[in-house]
């Protein structure tokens, strides 16, 4: 499989996990051997830089969801191969959320 195909397959899985609320599946897409993951969500101030923080971000209250129907998709994926097994990927992400009860608690 080409590098581009691998990256597209990753984003296809990522899109499916978000859109189906499969939060444990999101975690499976990360390198769990990394002692300090980091993520910069656009709707949260600052960075998330721990597994506990990521898990809390993905599912702030385990078993309780404020989102009834999420829809995440990516488009305009652009890739630049910078080494044989390293690429920079840029994309546009779009979100649509149907919330339960009309409100949401910010993730912190």
C-alpha atoms as a PDB file:
ATOM      1  CA  UNK A   1       0.000   0.000   0.000  1.00  0.00           C
ATOM      2  CA  UNK A   2       1.372   3.427  -0.884  1.00  0.00           C
ATOM      3  CA  UNK A   3       2.011   6.075   1.764  1.00  0.00           C
ATOM      4  CA  UNK A   4      -0.885   8.137   0.401  1.00  0.00           C
ATOM      5  CA  UNK A   5      -3.222   5.144   0.543  1.00  0.00           C
ATOM      6  CA  UNK A   6      -2.130   4.411   4.129  1.00  0.00           C
ATOM      7  CA  UNK A   7      -2.788   7.992   5.204  1.00  0.00           C
ATOM      8  CA  UNK A   8      -6.170   8.070   3.465  1.00  0.00           C
ATOM      9  CA  UNK A   9      -7.077   4.766   5.170  1.00  0.00           C
ATOM     10  CA  UNK A  10      -6.101   6.303   8.529  1.00  0.00           C
ATOM     11  CA  UNK A  11      -8.310   9.355   7.965  1.00  0.00           C
ATOM     12  CA  UNK A  12     -11.158   7.117   6.772  1.00  0.00           C
ATOM     13  CA  UNK A  13     -10.918   5.205  10.080  1.00  0.00           C
ATOM     14  CA  UNK A  14     -10.651   8.458  12.044  1.00  0.00           C
ATOM     15  CA  UNK A  15     -13.762   9.813  10.310  1.00  0.00           C
ATOM     16  CA  UNK A  16     -15.675   6.592  10.991  1.00  0.00           C
ATOM     17  CA  UNK A  17     -14.711   6.550  14.686  1.00  0.00           C
ATOM     18  CA  UNK A  18     -15.861  10.141  15.276  1.00  0.00           C
ATOM     19  CA  UNK A  19     -19.045   9.791  13.254  1.00  0.00           C
ATOM     20  CA  UNK A  20     -20.037   6.575  15.050  1.00  0.00           C
ATOM     21  CA  UNK A  21     -18.959   7.831  18.519  1.00  0.00           C
ATOM     22  CA  UNK A  22     -16.445   4.976  18.734  1.00  0.00           C
ATOM     23  CA  UNK A  23     -14.141   6.774  21.163  1.00  0.00           C
ATOM     24  CA  UNK A  24     -12.161   3.679  22.096  1.00  0.00           C
ATOM     25  CA  UNK A  25     -11.516   3.236  18.367  1.00  0.00           C
ATOM     26  CA  UNK A  26      -9.982   6.716  18.283  1.00  0.00           C
ATOM     27  CA  UNK A  27      -7.513   5.628  20.933  1.00  0.00           C
ATOM     28  CA  UNK A  28      -6.549   2.606  18.867  1.00  0.00           C
ATOM     29  CA  UNK A  29      -5.398   4.933  16.072  1.00  0.00           C
ATOM     30  CA  UNK A  30      -2.754   6.448  18.361  1.00  0.00           C
ATOM     31  CA  UNK A  31       0.633   5.015  19.277  1.00  0.00           C
ATOM     32  CA  UNK A  32      -0.081   3.857  22.833  1.00  0.00           C
ATOM     33  CA  UNK A  33       3.643   3.369  23.436  1.00  0.00           C
ATOM     34  CA  UNK A  34       4.152   7.134  23.144  1.00  0.00           C
ATOM     35  CA  UNK A  35       4.669   8.388  26.720  1.00  0.00           C
ATOM     36  CA  UNK A  36       3.475  11.919  25.903  1.00  0.00           C
ATOM     37  CA  UNK A  37       0.858  12.227  23.170  1.00  0.00           C
ATOM     38  CA  UNK A  38      -0.294  15.683  22.171  1.00  0.00           C
ATOM     39  CA  UNK A  39      -3.377  17.002  20.422  1.00  0.00           C
ATOM     40  CA  UNK A  40      -4.672  20.488  19.692  1.00  0.00           C
ATOM     41  CA  UNK A  41      -8.452  20.522  19.358  1.00  0.00           C
ATOM     42  CA  UNK A  42      -9.750  23.730  17.816  1.00  0.00           C
ATOM     43  CA  UNK A  43     -12.563  24.085  20.359  1.00  0.00           C
ATOM     44  CA  UNK A  44     -10.389  23.736  23.477  1.00  0.00           C
ATOM     45  CA  UNK A  45      -7.940  26.292  24.840  1.00  0.00           C
ATOM     46  CA  UNK A  46      -4.432  24.893  24.894  1.00  0.00           C
ATOM     47  CA  UNK A  47      -3.080  21.457  24.130  1.00  0.00           C
ATOM     48  CA  UNK A  48      -3.938  18.032  25.450  1.00  0.00           C
ATOM     49  CA  UNK A  49      -0.708  16.247  26.336  1.00  0.00           C
ATOM     50  CA  UNK A  50      -1.550  13.072  28.230  1.00  0.00           C
ATOM     51  CA  UNK A  51      -3.472   9.843  27.702  1.00  0.00           C
ATOM     52  CA  UNK A  52      -5.799  10.764  30.553  1.00  0.00           C
ATOM     53  CA  UNK A  53      -6.480  14.136  28.941  1.00  0.00           C
ATOM     54  CA  UNK A  54      -7.156  12.563  25.543  1.00  0.00           C
ATOM     55  CA  UNK A  55      -9.519   9.992  26.998  1.00  0.00           C
ATOM     56  CA  UNK A  56     -11.357  12.727  28.929  1.00  0.00           C
ATOM     57  CA  UNK A  57     -11.575  14.798  25.721  1.00  0.00           C
ATOM     58  CA  UNK A  58     -12.923  11.879  23.667  1.00  0.00           C
ATOM     59  CA  UNK A  59     -15.468  10.930  26.327  1.00  0.00           C
ATOM     60  CA  UNK A  60     -15.816  13.589  29.066  1.00  0.00           C
ATOM     61  CA  UNK A  61     -18.349  11.525  31.005  1.00  0.00           C
ATOM     62  CA  UNK A  62     -18.023   7.823  30.160  1.00  0.00           C
ATOM     63  CA  UNK A  63     -21.395   6.388  29.239  1.00  0.00           C
ATOM     64  CA  UNK A  64     -23.023   9.847  29.024  1.00  0.00           C
ATOM     65  CA  UNK A  65     -23.128  11.625  25.686  1.00  0.00           C
ATOM     66  CA  UNK A  66     -24.222  15.165  24.964  1.00  0.00           C
ATOM     67  CA  UNK A  67     -23.987  14.437  21.257  1.00  0.00           C
ATOM     68  CA  UNK A  68     -26.886  12.634  19.648  1.00  0.00           C
ATOM     69  CA  UNK A  69     -25.536  12.523  16.105  1.00  0.00           C
ATOM     70  CA  UNK A  70     -21.981  13.590  15.232  1.00  0.00           C
ATOM     71  CA  UNK A  71     -20.804  13.904  11.670  1.00  0.00           C
ATOM     72  CA  UNK A  72     -17.114  14.419  10.984  1.00  0.00           C
ATOM     73  CA  UNK A  73     -15.526  14.418   7.573  1.00  0.00           C
ATOM     74  CA  UNK A  74     -12.252  15.383   5.997  1.00  0.00           C
ATOM     75  CA  UNK A  75     -11.647  16.715   2.507  1.00  0.00           C
ATOM     76  CA  UNK A  76      -8.897  18.356   0.495  1.00  0.00           C
ATOM     77  CA  UNK A  77      -6.220  16.038   1.884  1.00  0.00           C
ATOM     78  CA  UNK A  78      -2.767  17.212   0.798  1.00  0.00           C
ATOM     79  CA  UNK A  79       0.337  15.162   1.504  1.00  0.00           C
ATOM     80  CA  UNK A  80       4.029  15.918   1.342  1.00  0.00           C
ATOM     81  CA  UNK A  81       6.487  13.066   1.749  1.00  0.00           C
ATOM     82  CA  UNK A  82       9.466  14.376   3.765  1.00  0.00           C
ATOM     83  CA  UNK A  83      11.227  11.031   4.327  1.00  0.00           C
ATOM     84  CA  UNK A  84      10.592   7.489   3.093  1.00  0.00           C
ATOM     85  CA  UNK A  85       8.226   6.792   6.009  1.00  0.00           C
ATOM     86  CA  UNK A  86       7.279  10.324   7.134  1.00  0.00           C
ATOM     87  CA  UNK A  87       4.697  12.605   5.578  1.00  0.00           C
ATOM     88  CA  UNK A  88       3.087  15.907   6.429  1.00  0.00           C
ATOM     89  CA  UNK A  89      -0.674  15.772   5.984  1.00  0.00           C
ATOM     90  CA  UNK A  90      -3.012  18.756   5.816  1.00  0.00           C
ATOM     91  CA  UNK A  91      -6.751  18.635   5.411  1.00  0.00           C
ATOM     92  CA  UNK A  92      -9.968  20.525   5.949  1.00  0.00           C
ATOM     93  CA  UNK A  93     -12.154  19.020   8.666  1.00  0.00           C
ATOM     94  CA  UNK A  94     -15.846  19.723   8.964  1.00  0.00           C
ATOM     95  CA  UNK A  95     -18.147  18.935  11.834  1.00  0.00           C
ATOM     96  CA  UNK A  96     -21.898  18.819  12.273  1.00  0.00           C
ATOM     97  CA  UNK A  97     -23.302  17.916  15.678  1.00  0.00           C
ATOM     98  CA  UNK A  98     -26.832  17.281  16.808  1.00  0.00           C
ATOM     99  CA  UNK A  99     -26.795  17.870  20.559  1.00  0.00           C
ATOM    100  CA  UNK A 100     -29.087  16.288  23.123  1.00  0.00           C
ATOM    101  CA  UNK A 101     -31.057  18.788  25.148  1.00  0.00           C
ATOM    102  CA  UNK A 102     -29.692  21.780  23.229  1.00  0.00           C
ATOM    103  CA  UNK A 103     -26.603  22.348  25.401  1.00  0.00           C
ATOM    104  CA  UNK A 104     -23.121  21.052  25.973  1.00  0.00           C
ATOM    105  CA  UNK A 105     -20.528  21.151  28.712  1.00  0.00           C
ATOM    106  CA  UNK A 106     -17.135  22.421  27.492  1.00  0.00           C
ATOM    107  CA  UNK A 107     -14.417  19.777  27.588  1.00  0.00           C
ATOM    108  CA  UNK A 108     -11.626  20.743  30.012  1.00  0.00           C
END
